[in-house]
PDB file of N, CA and C in Angstrom:
ATOM      1  N   MET A   1      74.710  36.857 380.125  1.00  0.00           N
ATOM      2  CA  MET A   1      75.417  37.108 378.893  1.00  0.00           C
ATOM      3  C   MET A   1      75.275  35.899 377.985  1.00  0.00           C
ATOM      4  N   SER A   2      75.216  36.145 376.719  1.00  0.00           N
ATOM      5  CA  SER A   2      75.006  35.084 375.750  1.00  0.00           C
ATOM      6  C   SER A   2      76.300  34.308 375.529  1.00  0.00           C
ATOM      7  N   PRO A   3      76.174  33.007 375.322  1.00  0.00           N
ATOM      8  CA  PRO A   3      77.377  32.243 375.023  1.00  0.00           C
ATOM      9  C   PRO A   3      77.939  32.569 373.635  1.00  0.00           C
ATOM     10  N   ASN A   4      77.120  33.176 372.802  1.00  0.00           N
ATOM     11  CA  ASN A   4      77.560  33.541 371.460  1.00  0.00           C
ATOM     12  C   ASN A   4      77.948  35.020 371.473  1.00  0.00           C
ATOM     13  N   PRO A   5      79.244  35.374 371.413  1.00  0.00           N
ATOM     14  CA  PRO A   5      79.646  36.779 371.517  1.00  0.00           C
ATOM     15  C   PRO A   5      79.220  37.611 370.306  1.00  0.00           C
ATOM     16  N   ILE A   6      78.959  36.982 369.183  1.00  0.00           N
ATOM     17  CA  ILE A   6      78.563  37.727 367.987  1.00  0.00           C
ATOM     18  C   ILE A   6      77.171  38.328 368.189  1.00  0.00           C
ATOM     19  N   ARG A   7      76.270  37.592 368.803  1.00  0.00           N
ATOM     20  CA  ARG A   7      74.912  38.088 369.009  1.00  0.00           C
ATOM     21  C   ARG A   7      74.883  39.273 369.961  1.00  0.00           C
ATOM     22  N   SER A   8      75.646  39.234 371.013  1.00  0.00           N
ATOM     23  CA  SER A   8      75.626  40.341 371.972  1.00  0.00           C
ATOM     24  C   SER A   8      76.261  41.587 371.364  1.00  0.00           C
ATOM     25  N   SER A   9      77.296  41.436 370.562  1.00  0.00           N
ATOM     26  CA  SER A   9      77.907  42.605 369.936  1.00  0.00           C
ATOM     27  C   SER A   9      76.972  43.185 368.875  1.00  0.00           C
ATOM     28  N   THR A  10      76.183  42.346 368.224  1.00  0.00           N
ATOM     29  CA  THR A  10      75.225  42.829 367.243  1.00  0.00           C
ATOM     30  C   THR A  10      74.133  43.642 367.927  1.00  0.00           C
ATOM     31  N   LEU A  11      73.745  43.245 369.102  1.00  0.00           N
ATOM     32  CA  LEU A  11      72.736  43.991 369.861  1.00  0.00           C
ATOM     33  C   LEU A  11      73.248  45.380 370.209  1.00  0.00           C
ATOM     34  N   PHE A  12      74.474  45.467 370.684  1.00  0.00           N
ATOM     35  CA  PHE A  12      75.046  46.765 371.029  1.00  0.00           C
ATOM     36  C   PHE A  12      75.275  47.629 369.794  1.00  0.00           C
ATOM     37  N   THR A  13      75.653  47.018 368.690  1.00  0.00           N
ATOM     38  CA  THR A  13      75.853  47.771 367.449  1.00  0.00           C
ATOM     39  C   THR A  13      74.527  48.331 366.947  1.00  0.00           C
ATOM     40  N   GLY A  14      73.477  47.539 367.001  1.00  0.00           N
ATOM     41  CA  GLY A  14      72.158  48.004 366.589  1.00  0.00           C
ATOM     42  C   GLY A  14      71.656  49.126 367.471  1.00  0.00           C
ATOM     43  N   LEU A  15      71.900  49.013 368.772  1.00  0.00           N
ATOM     44  CA  LEU A  15      71.495  50.057 369.704  1.00  0.00           C
ATOM     45  C   LEU A  15      72.247  51.352 369.417  1.00  0.00           C
ATOM     46  N   ALA A  16      73.543  51.260 369.143  1.00  0.00           N
ATOM     47  CA  ALA A  16      74.345  52.446 368.835  1.00  0.00           C
ATOM     48  C   ALA A  16      73.876  53.092 367.531  1.00  0.00           C
ATOM     49  N   LEU A  17      73.543  52.303 366.540  1.00  0.00           N
ATOM     50  CA  LEU A  17      73.039  52.850 365.279  1.00  0.00           C
ATOM     51  C   LEU A  17      71.691  53.529 365.463  1.00  0.00           C
ATOM     52  N   ALA A  18      70.828  52.954 366.282  1.00  0.00           N
ATOM     53  CA  ALA A  18      69.520  53.566 366.532  1.00  0.00           C
ATOM     54  C   ALA A  18      69.673  54.901 367.241  1.00  0.00           C
ATOM     55  N   ILE A  19      70.574  54.980 368.197  1.00  0.00           N
ATOM     56  CA  ILE A  19      70.806  56.247 368.902  1.00  0.00           C
ATOM     57  C   ILE A  19      71.369  57.289 367.939  1.00  0.00           C
ATOM     58  N   ALA A  20      72.290  56.877 367.094  1.00  0.00           N
ATOM     59  CA  ALA A  20      72.875  57.804 366.122  1.00  0.00           C
ATOM     60  C   ALA A  20      71.817  58.307 365.144  1.00  0.00           C
ATOM     61  N   LEU A  21      70.926  57.449 364.730  1.00  0.00           N
ATOM     62  CA  LEU A  21      69.866  57.841 363.801  1.00  0.00           C
ATOM     63  C   LEU A  21      68.914  58.846 364.442  1.00  0.00           C
ATOM     64  N   VAL A  22      68.545  58.601 365.691  1.00  0.00           N
ATOM     65  CA  VAL A  22      67.636  59.508 366.387  1.00  0.00           C
ATOM     66  C   VAL A  22      68.290  60.862 366.593  1.00  0.00           C
ATOM     67  N   THR A  23      69.543  60.891 366.997  1.00  0.00           N
ATOM     68  CA  THR A  23      70.211  62.174 367.226  1.00  0.00           C
ATOM     69  C   THR A  23      70.454  62.923 365.920  1.00  0.00           C
ATOM     70  N   SER A  24      70.763  62.211 364.846  1.00  0.00           N
ATOM     71  CA  SER A  24      70.989  62.907 363.574  1.00  0.00           C
ATOM     72  C   SER A  24      69.691  63.484 363.026  1.00  0.00           C
ATOM     73  N   SER A  25      68.575  62.793 363.224  1.00  0.00           N
ATOM     74  CA  SER A  25      67.303  63.346 362.759  1.00  0.00           C
ATOM     75  C   SER A  25      66.899  64.550 363.607  1.00  0.00           C
ATOM     76  N   ALA A  26      67.270  64.555 364.881  1.00  0.00           N
ATOM     77  CA  ALA A  26      66.970  65.707 365.732  1.00  0.00           C
ATOM     78  C   ALA A  26      67.775  66.919 365.280  1.00  0.00           C
ATOM     79  N   PHE A  27      69.036  66.712 364.925  1.00  0.00           N
ATOM     80  CA  PHE A  27      69.852  67.822 364.429  1.00  0.00           C
ATOM     81  C   PHE A  27      69.378  68.279 363.056  1.00  0.00           C
ATOM     82  N   ALA A  28      68.875  67.367 362.251  1.00  0.00           N
ATOM     83  CA  ALA A  28      68.396  67.728 360.918  1.00  0.00           C
ATOM     84  C   ALA A  28      67.153  68.608 361.012  1.00  0.00           C
ATOM     85  N   THR A  29      66.264  68.334 361.952  1.00  0.00           N
ATOM     86  CA  THR A  29      65.069  69.162 362.077  1.00  0.00           C
ATOM     87  C   THR A  29      65.428  70.540 362.613  1.00  0.00           C
ATOM     88  N   GLU A  30      66.456  70.648 363.449  1.00  0.00           N
ATOM     89  CA  GLU A  30      66.893  71.954 363.932  1.00  0.00           C
ATOM     90  C   GLU A  30      67.499  72.772 362.799  1.00  0.00           C
ATOM     91  N   ALA A  31      68.224  72.115 361.911  1.00  0.00           N
ATOM     92  CA  ALA A  31      68.872  72.822 360.809  1.00  0.00           C
ATOM     93  C   ALA A  31      67.847  73.329 359.798  1.00  0.00           C
ATOM     94  N   THR A  32      66.733  72.632 359.616  1.00  0.00           N
ATOM     95  CA  THR A  32      65.742  73.057 358.641  1.00  0.00           C
ATOM     96  C   THR A  32      64.873  74.193 359.157  1.00  0.00           C
ATOM     97  N   THR A  33      64.850  74.407 360.468  1.00  0.00           N
ATOM     98  CA  THR A  33      64.030  75.483 360.999  1.00  0.00           C
ATOM     99  C   THR A  33      64.698  76.843 360.873  1.00  0.00           C
ATOM    100  N   THR A  34      65.976  76.890 360.560  1.00  0.00           N
ATOM    101  CA  THR A  34      66.657  78.167 360.383  1.00  0.00           C
ATOM    102  C   THR A  34      66.252  78.767 359.043  1.00  0.00           C
ATOM    103  N   THR A  35      66.498  80.057 358.880  1.00  0.00           N
ATOM    104  CA  THR A  35      66.125  80.724 357.634  1.00  0.00           C
ATOM    105  C   THR A  35      67.059  80.283 356.512  1.00  0.00           C
ATOM    106  N   PRO A  36      66.506  79.940 355.366  1.00  0.00           N
ATOM    107  CA  PRO A  36      67.353  79.477 354.259  1.00  0.00           C
ATOM    108  C   PRO A  36      68.136  80.643 353.653  1.00  0.00           C
ATOM    109  N   VAL A  37      69.332  80.364 353.213  1.00  0.00           N
ATOM    110  CA  VAL A  37      70.190  81.357 352.578  1.00  0.00           C
ATOM    111  C   VAL A  37      69.928  81.295 351.071  1.00  0.00           C
ATOM    112  N   ALA A  38      69.770  82.454 350.444  1.00  0.00           N
ATOM    113  CA  ALA A  38      69.522  82.498 349.012  1.00  0.00           C
ATOM    114  C   ALA A  38      70.773  82.035 348.275  1.00  0.00           C
ATOM    115  N   ALA A  39      70.622  81.015 347.474  1.00  0.00           N
ATOM    116  CA  ALA A  39      71.750  80.468 346.731  1.00  0.00           C
ATOM    117  C   ALA A  39      71.757  81.050 345.316  1.00  0.00           C
ATOM    118  N   THR A  40      72.944  81.235 344.797  1.00  0.00           N
ATOM    119  CA  THR A  40      73.084  81.727 343.435  1.00  0.00           C
ATOM    120  C   THR A  40      73.049  80.543 342.498  1.00  0.00           C
ATOM    121  N   VAL A  41      72.227  80.612 341.491  1.00  0.00           N
ATOM    122  CA  VAL A  41      72.117  79.540 340.522  1.00  0.00           C
ATOM    123  C   VAL A  41      73.048  79.850 339.359  1.00  0.00           C
ATOM    124  N   VAL A  42      73.925  78.895 339.045  1.00  0.00           N
ATOM    125  CA  VAL A  42      74.867  79.059 337.950  1.00  0.00           C
ATOM    126  C   VAL A  42      74.544  78.015 336.897  1.00  0.00           C
ATOM    127  N   VAL A  43      74.297  78.460 335.690  1.00  0.00           N
ATOM    128  CA  VAL A  43      74.003  77.552 334.594  1.00  0.00           C
ATOM    129  C   VAL A  43      75.269  77.406 333.766  1.00  0.00           C
ATOM    130  N   ALA A  44      75.690  76.171 333.534  1.00  0.00           N
ATOM    131  CA  ALA A  44      76.970  75.928 332.878  1.00  0.00           C
ATOM    132  C   ALA A  44      76.951  76.337 331.408  1.00  0.00           C
ATOM    133  N   GLN A  45      75.842  76.228 330.733  1.00  0.00           N
ATOM    134  CA  GLN A  45      75.793  76.509 329.309  1.00  0.00           C
ATOM    135  C   GLN A  45      75.312  77.912 328.989  1.00  0.00           C
ATOM    136  N   ALA A  46      75.104  78.719 329.987  1.00  0.00           N
ATOM    137  CA  ALA A  46      74.611  80.067 329.735  1.00  0.00           C
ATOM    138  C   ALA A  46      75.723  80.929 329.161  1.00  0.00           C
ATOM    139  N   SER A  47      75.370  81.818 328.256  1.00  0.00           N
ATOM    140  CA  SER A  47      76.366  82.724 327.709  1.00  0.00           C
ATOM    141  C   SER A  47      76.574  83.880 328.670  1.00  0.00           C
ATOM    142  N   ALA A  48      77.709  84.516 328.561  1.00  0.00           N
ATOM    143  CA  ALA A  48      78.026  85.631 329.442  1.00  0.00           C
ATOM    144  C   ALA A  48      77.094  86.797 329.126  1.00  0.00           C
ATOM    145  N   PRO A  49      76.783  87.632 330.118  1.00  0.00           N
ATOM    146  CA  PRO A  49      75.917  88.781 329.847  1.00  0.00           C
ATOM    147  C   PRO A  49      76.567  89.704 328.821  1.00  0.00           C
ATOM    148  N   GLY A  50      75.815  90.105 327.856  1.00  0.00           N
ATOM    149  CA  GLY A  50      76.318  90.990 326.819  1.00  0.00           C
ATOM    150  C   GLY A  50      76.961  90.260 325.657  1.00  0.00           C
ATOM    151  N   ALA A  51      77.203  88.953 325.807  1.00  0.00           N
ATOM    152  CA  ALA A  51      77.800  88.194 324.706  1.00  0.00           C
ATOM    153  C   ALA A  51      76.716  87.853 323.693  1.00  0.00           C
ATOM    154  N   PRO A  52      77.010  87.970 322.432  1.00  0.00           N
ATOM    155  CA  PRO A  52      75.994  87.653 321.434  1.00  0.00           C
ATOM    156  C   PRO A  52      75.719  86.155 321.386  1.00  0.00           C
ATOM    157  N   ALA A  53      74.501  85.806 321.158  1.00  0.00           N
ATOM    158  CA  ALA A  53      74.134  84.401 321.036  1.00  0.00           C
ATOM    159  C   ALA A  53      74.625  83.875 319.689  1.00  0.00           C
ATOM    160  N   VAL A  54      74.874  82.582 319.602  1.00  0.00           N
ATOM    161  CA  VAL A  54      75.353  81.985 318.364  1.00  0.00           C
ATOM    162  C   VAL A  54      74.173  81.847 317.413  1.00  0.00           C
ATOM    163  N   MET A  55      74.223  82.563 316.343  1.00  0.00           N
ATOM    164  CA  MET A  55      73.158  82.510 315.347  1.00  0.00           C
ATOM    165  C   MET A  55      73.774  82.045 314.033  1.00  0.00           C
ATOM    166  N   LEU A  56      73.106  81.177 313.361  1.00  0.00           N
ATOM    167  CA  LEU A  56      73.605  80.671 312.088  1.00  0.00           C
ATOM    168  C   LEU A  56      72.937  81.418 310.953  1.00  0.00           C
ATOM    169  N   ALA A  57      73.750  81.929 310.061  1.00  0.00           N
ATOM    170  CA  ALA A  57      73.221  82.591 308.871  1.00  0.00           C
ATOM    171  C   ALA A  57      73.045  81.535 307.781  1.00  0.00           C
ATOM    172  N   GLY A  58      72.752  81.962 306.583  1.00  0.00           N
ATOM    173  CA  GLY A  58      72.446  81.056 305.476  1.00  0.00           C
ATOM    174  C   GLY A  58      73.445  79.937 305.251  1.00  0.00           C
ATOM    175  N   ASN A  59      74.676  80.233 304.849  1.00  0.00           N
ATOM    176  CA  ASN A  59      75.656  79.197 304.518  1.00  0.00           C
ATOM    177  C   ASN A  59      76.704  79.005 305.602  1.00  0.00           C
ATOM    178  N   GLU A  60      76.515  79.559 306.752  1.00  0.00           N
ATOM    179  CA  GLU A  60      77.490  79.437 307.831  1.00  0.00           C
ATOM    180  C   GLU A  60      77.491  78.008 308.374  1.00  0.00           C
ATOM    181  N   ASP A  61      78.674  77.510 308.745  1.00  0.00           N
ATOM    182  CA  ASP A  61      78.804  76.141 309.239  1.00  0.00           C
ATOM    183  C   ASP A  61      78.114  75.976 310.586  1.00  0.00           C
ATOM    184  N   PRO A  62      77.559  74.800 310.840  1.00  0.00           N
ATOM    185  CA  PRO A  62      77.052  74.525 312.185  1.00  0.00           C
ATOM    186  C   PRO A  62      78.210  74.550 313.177  1.00  0.00           C
ATOM    187  N   VAL A  63      77.906  74.774 314.423  1.00  0.00           N
ATOM    188  CA  VAL A  63      78.929  74.954 315.443  1.00  0.00           C
ATOM    189  C   VAL A  63      79.838  73.732 315.547  1.00  0.00           C
ATOM    190  N   HIS A  64      79.290  72.535 315.479  1.00  0.00           N
ATOM    191  CA  HIS A  64      80.102  71.339 315.652  1.00  0.00           C
ATOM    192  C   HIS A  64      81.005  71.044 314.454  1.00  0.00           C
ATOM    193  N   LEU A  65      80.839  71.764 313.341  1.00  0.00           N
ATOM    194  CA  LEU A  65      81.698  71.549 312.172  1.00  0.00           C
ATOM    195  C   LEU A  65      82.711  72.668 311.953  1.00  0.00           C
ATOM    196  N   ARG A  66      82.674  73.712 312.750  1.00  0.00           N
ATOM    197  CA  ARG A  66      83.571  74.840 312.525  1.00  0.00           C
ATOM    198  C   ARG A  66      85.028  74.464 312.680  1.00  0.00           C
ATOM    199  N   GLY A  67      85.349  73.719 313.718  1.00  0.00           N
ATOM    200  CA  GLY A  67      86.742  73.349 313.965  1.00  0.00           C
ATOM    201  C   GLY A  67      87.312  72.493 312.857  1.00  0.00           C
ATOM    202  N   VAL A  68      86.561  71.510 312.418  1.00  0.00           N
ATOM    203  CA  VAL A  68      87.067  70.610 311.372  1.00  0.00           C
ATOM    204  C   VAL A  68      87.176  71.347 310.038  1.00  0.00           C
ATOM    205  N   ARG A  69      86.260  72.246 309.752  1.00  0.00           N
ATOM    206  CA  ARG A  69      86.357  73.019 308.505  1.00  0.00           C
ATOM    207  C   ARG A  69      87.533  73.990 308.552  1.00  0.00           C
ATOM    208  N   ASN A  70      87.781  74.622 309.697  1.00  0.00           N
ATOM    209  CA  ASN A  70      88.946  75.504 309.829  1.00  0.00           C
ATOM    210  C   ASN A  70      90.244  74.731 309.661  1.00  0.00           C
ATOM    211  N   ALA A  71      90.312  73.533 310.244  1.00  0.00           N
ATOM    212  CA  ALA A  71      91.508  72.707 310.102  1.00  0.00           C
ATOM    213  C   ALA A  71      91.688  72.256 308.663  1.00  0.00           C
ATOM    214  N   ALA A  72      90.597  71.982 307.962  1.00  0.00           N
ATOM    215  CA  ALA A  72      90.692  71.549 306.564  1.00  0.00           C
ATOM    216  C   ALA A  72      91.190  72.674 305.677  1.00  0.00           C
ATOM    217  N   THR A  73      90.861  73.929 305.984  1.00  0.00           N
ATOM    218  CA  THR A  73      91.353  75.041 305.168  1.00  0.00           C
ATOM    219  C   THR A  73      92.824  75.321 305.447  1.00  0.00           C
ATOM    220  N   GLU A  74      93.329  74.955 306.634  1.00  0.00           N
ATOM    221  CA  GLU A  74      94.742  75.176 306.942  1.00  0.00           C
ATOM    222  C   GLU A  74      95.636  74.260 306.122  1.00  0.00           C
ATOM    223  N   SER A  75      95.502  72.964 306.335  1.00  0.00           N
ATOM    224  CA  SER A  75      96.320  71.986 305.607  1.00  0.00           C
ATOM    225  C   SER A  75      95.783  70.583 305.880  1.00  0.00           C
ATOM    226  N   PRO A  76      96.157  69.625 305.030  1.00  0.00           N
ATOM    227  CA  PRO A  76      95.735  68.238 305.300  1.00  0.00           C
ATOM    228  C   PRO A  76      96.309  67.704 306.619  1.00  0.00           C
ATOM    229  N   GLU A  77      97.526  68.142 306.963  1.00  0.00           N
ATOM    230  CA  GLU A  77      98.120  67.687 308.228  1.00  0.00           C
ATOM    231  C   GLU A  77      97.362  68.252 309.426  1.00  0.00           C
ATOM    232  N   ALA A  78      96.955  69.516 309.367  1.00  0.00           N
ATOM    233  CA  ALA A  78      96.169  70.109 310.450  1.00  0.00           C
ATOM    234  C   ALA A  78      94.823  69.404 310.575  1.00  0.00           C
ATOM    235  N   LEU A  79      94.232  69.050 309.449  1.00  0.00           N
ATOM    236  CA  LEU A  79      92.958  68.315 309.464  1.00  0.00           C
ATOM    237  C   LEU A  79      93.141  66.955 310.103  1.00  0.00           C
ATOM    238  N   ARG A  80      94.197  66.250 309.754  1.00  0.00           N
ATOM    239  CA  ARG A  80      94.450  64.929 310.312  1.00  0.00           C
ATOM    240  C   ARG A  80      94.648  65.014 311.827  1.00  0.00           C
ATOM    241  N   ARG A  81      95.414  66.013 312.301  1.00  0.00           N
ATOM    242  CA  ARG A  81      95.640  66.171 313.736  1.00  0.00           C
ATOM    243  C   ARG A  81      94.351  66.533 314.470  1.00  0.00           C
ATOM    244  N   TYR A  82      93.528  67.404 313.877  1.00  0.00           N
ATOM    245  CA  TYR A  82      92.263  67.797 314.514  1.00  0.00           C
ATOM    246  C   TYR A  82      91.328  66.596 314.625  1.00  0.00           C
ATOM    247  N   ILE A  83      91.224  65.817 313.568  1.00  0.00           N
ATOM    248  CA  ILE A  83      90.342  64.641 313.598  1.00  0.00           C
ATOM    249  C   ILE A  83      90.846  63.635 314.623  1.00  0.00           C
ATOM    250  N   TRP A  84      92.172  63.475 314.735  1.00  0.00           N
ATOM    251  CA  TRP A  84      92.710  62.547 315.712  1.00  0.00           C
ATOM    252  C   TRP A  84      92.431  63.028 317.142  1.00  0.00           C
ATOM    253  N   ARG A  85      92.583  64.337 317.394  1.00  0.00           N
ATOM    254  CA  ARG A  85      92.334  64.871 318.734  1.00  0.00           C
ATOM    255  C   ARG A  85      90.872  64.744 319.145  1.00  0.00           C
ATOM    256  N   THR A  86      89.961  64.922 318.218  1.00  0.00           N
ATOM    257  CA  THR A  86      88.532  64.969 318.557  1.00  0.00           C
ATOM    258  C   THR A  86      87.786  63.709 318.132  1.00  0.00           C
ATOM    259  N   ARG A  87      88.500  62.628 317.898  1.00  0.00           N
ATOM    260  CA  ARG A  87      87.872  61.411 317.370  1.00  0.00           C
ATOM    261  C   ARG A  87      86.836  60.828 318.308  1.00  0.00           C
ATOM    262  N   MET A  88      87.039  60.925 319.614  1.00  0.00           N
ATOM    263  CA  MET A  88      86.086  60.342 320.558  1.00  0.00           C
ATOM    264  C   MET A  88      84.908  61.269 320.830  1.00  0.00           C
ATOM    265  N   ILE A  89      84.993  62.501 320.395  1.00  0.00           N
ATOM    266  CA  ILE A  89      83.914  63.446 320.627  1.00  0.00           C
ATOM    267  C   ILE A  89      82.993  63.512 319.413  1.00  0.00           C
ATOM    268  N   TYR A  90      83.580  63.800 318.240  1.00  0.00           N
ATOM    269  CA  TYR A  90      82.768  64.051 317.046  1.00  0.00           C
ATOM    270  C   TYR A  90      82.705  62.883 316.078  1.00  0.00           C
ATOM    271  N   ASN A  91      83.703  62.001 316.084  1.00  0.00           N
ATOM    272  CA  ASN A  91      83.741  60.846 315.192  1.00  0.00           C
ATOM    273  C   ASN A  91      83.734  61.275 313.716  1.00  0.00           C
ATOM    274  N   HIS A  92      84.518  62.307 313.404  1.00  0.00           N
ATOM    275  CA  HIS A  92      84.645  62.731 312.007  1.00  0.00           C
ATOM    276  C   HIS A  92      85.541  61.757 311.252  1.00  0.00           C
ATOM    277  N   ARG A  93      85.380  61.724 309.934  1.00  0.00           N
ATOM    278  CA  ARG A  93      86.245  60.911 309.076  1.00  0.00           C
ATOM    279  C   ARG A  93      87.065  61.833 308.190  1.00  0.00           C
ATOM    280  N   TYR A  94      88.330  61.478 307.987  1.00  0.00           N
ATOM    281  CA  TYR A  94      89.232  62.301 307.195  1.00  0.00           C
ATOM    282  C   TYR A  94      88.728  62.429 305.763  1.00  0.00           C
ATOM    283  N   ASP A  95      88.211  61.360 305.201  1.00  0.00           N
ATOM    284  CA  ASP A  95      87.751  61.371 303.803  1.00  0.00           C
ATOM    285  C   ASP A  95      86.622  62.363 303.573  1.00  0.00           C
ATOM    286  N   THR A  96      85.824  62.616 304.573  1.00  0.00           N
ATOM    287  CA  THR A  96      84.691  63.514 304.427  1.00  0.00           C
ATOM    288  C   THR A  96      85.138  64.951 304.252  1.00  0.00           C
ATOM    289  N   PHE A  97      86.205  65.364 304.949  1.00  0.00           N
ATOM    290  CA  PHE A  97      86.622  66.754 304.960  1.00  0.00           C
ATOM    291  C   PHE A  97      87.938  67.002 304.238  1.00  0.00           C
ATOM    292  N   ALA A  98      88.578  65.958 303.750  1.00  0.00           N
ATOM    293  CA  ALA A  98      89.866  66.139 303.064  1.00  0.00           C
ATOM    294  C   ALA A  98      89.667  66.908 301.767  1.00  0.00           C
ATOM    295  N   PRO A  99      90.664  67.737 301.403  1.00  0.00           N
ATOM    296  CA  PRO A  99      90.545  68.478 300.141  1.00  0.00           C
ATOM    297  C   PRO A  99      90.503  67.514 298.950  1.00  0.00           C
ATOM    298  N   LYS A 100      89.601  67.758 298.066  1.00  0.00           N
ATOM    299  CA  LYS A 100      89.459  66.898 296.870  1.00  0.00           C
ATOM    300  C   LYS A 100      90.481  67.357 295.830  1.00  0.00           C
ATOM    301  N   GLU A 101      91.195  66.398 295.250  1.00  0.00           N
ATOM    302  CA  GLU A 101      92.206  66.757 294.266  1.00  0.00           C
ATOM    303  C   GLU A 101      91.877  66.209 292.906  1.00  0.00           C
TER     304      GLU A 101
END
């Protein structure tokens, strides 16, 4: 036995890790030989079946401006609250959409 207990424990730890690696790779090869199960692919941005796609007509607002324009038509207070809620997403400025007087 070694006079240094750290070295002998490192040897046993390395041996245990090597055995674990060999056994896990053996189980991994057994798992890959089975027949694969068909997985359903889900796309997060896909529209629902039958839902119309977003199409922009001539003067229609772009999608990212619809909320701020709707809030601006409601009231200046609604516009201020909408801009405050979405400030980290869209970075709109109140002066850009505020009603001109």
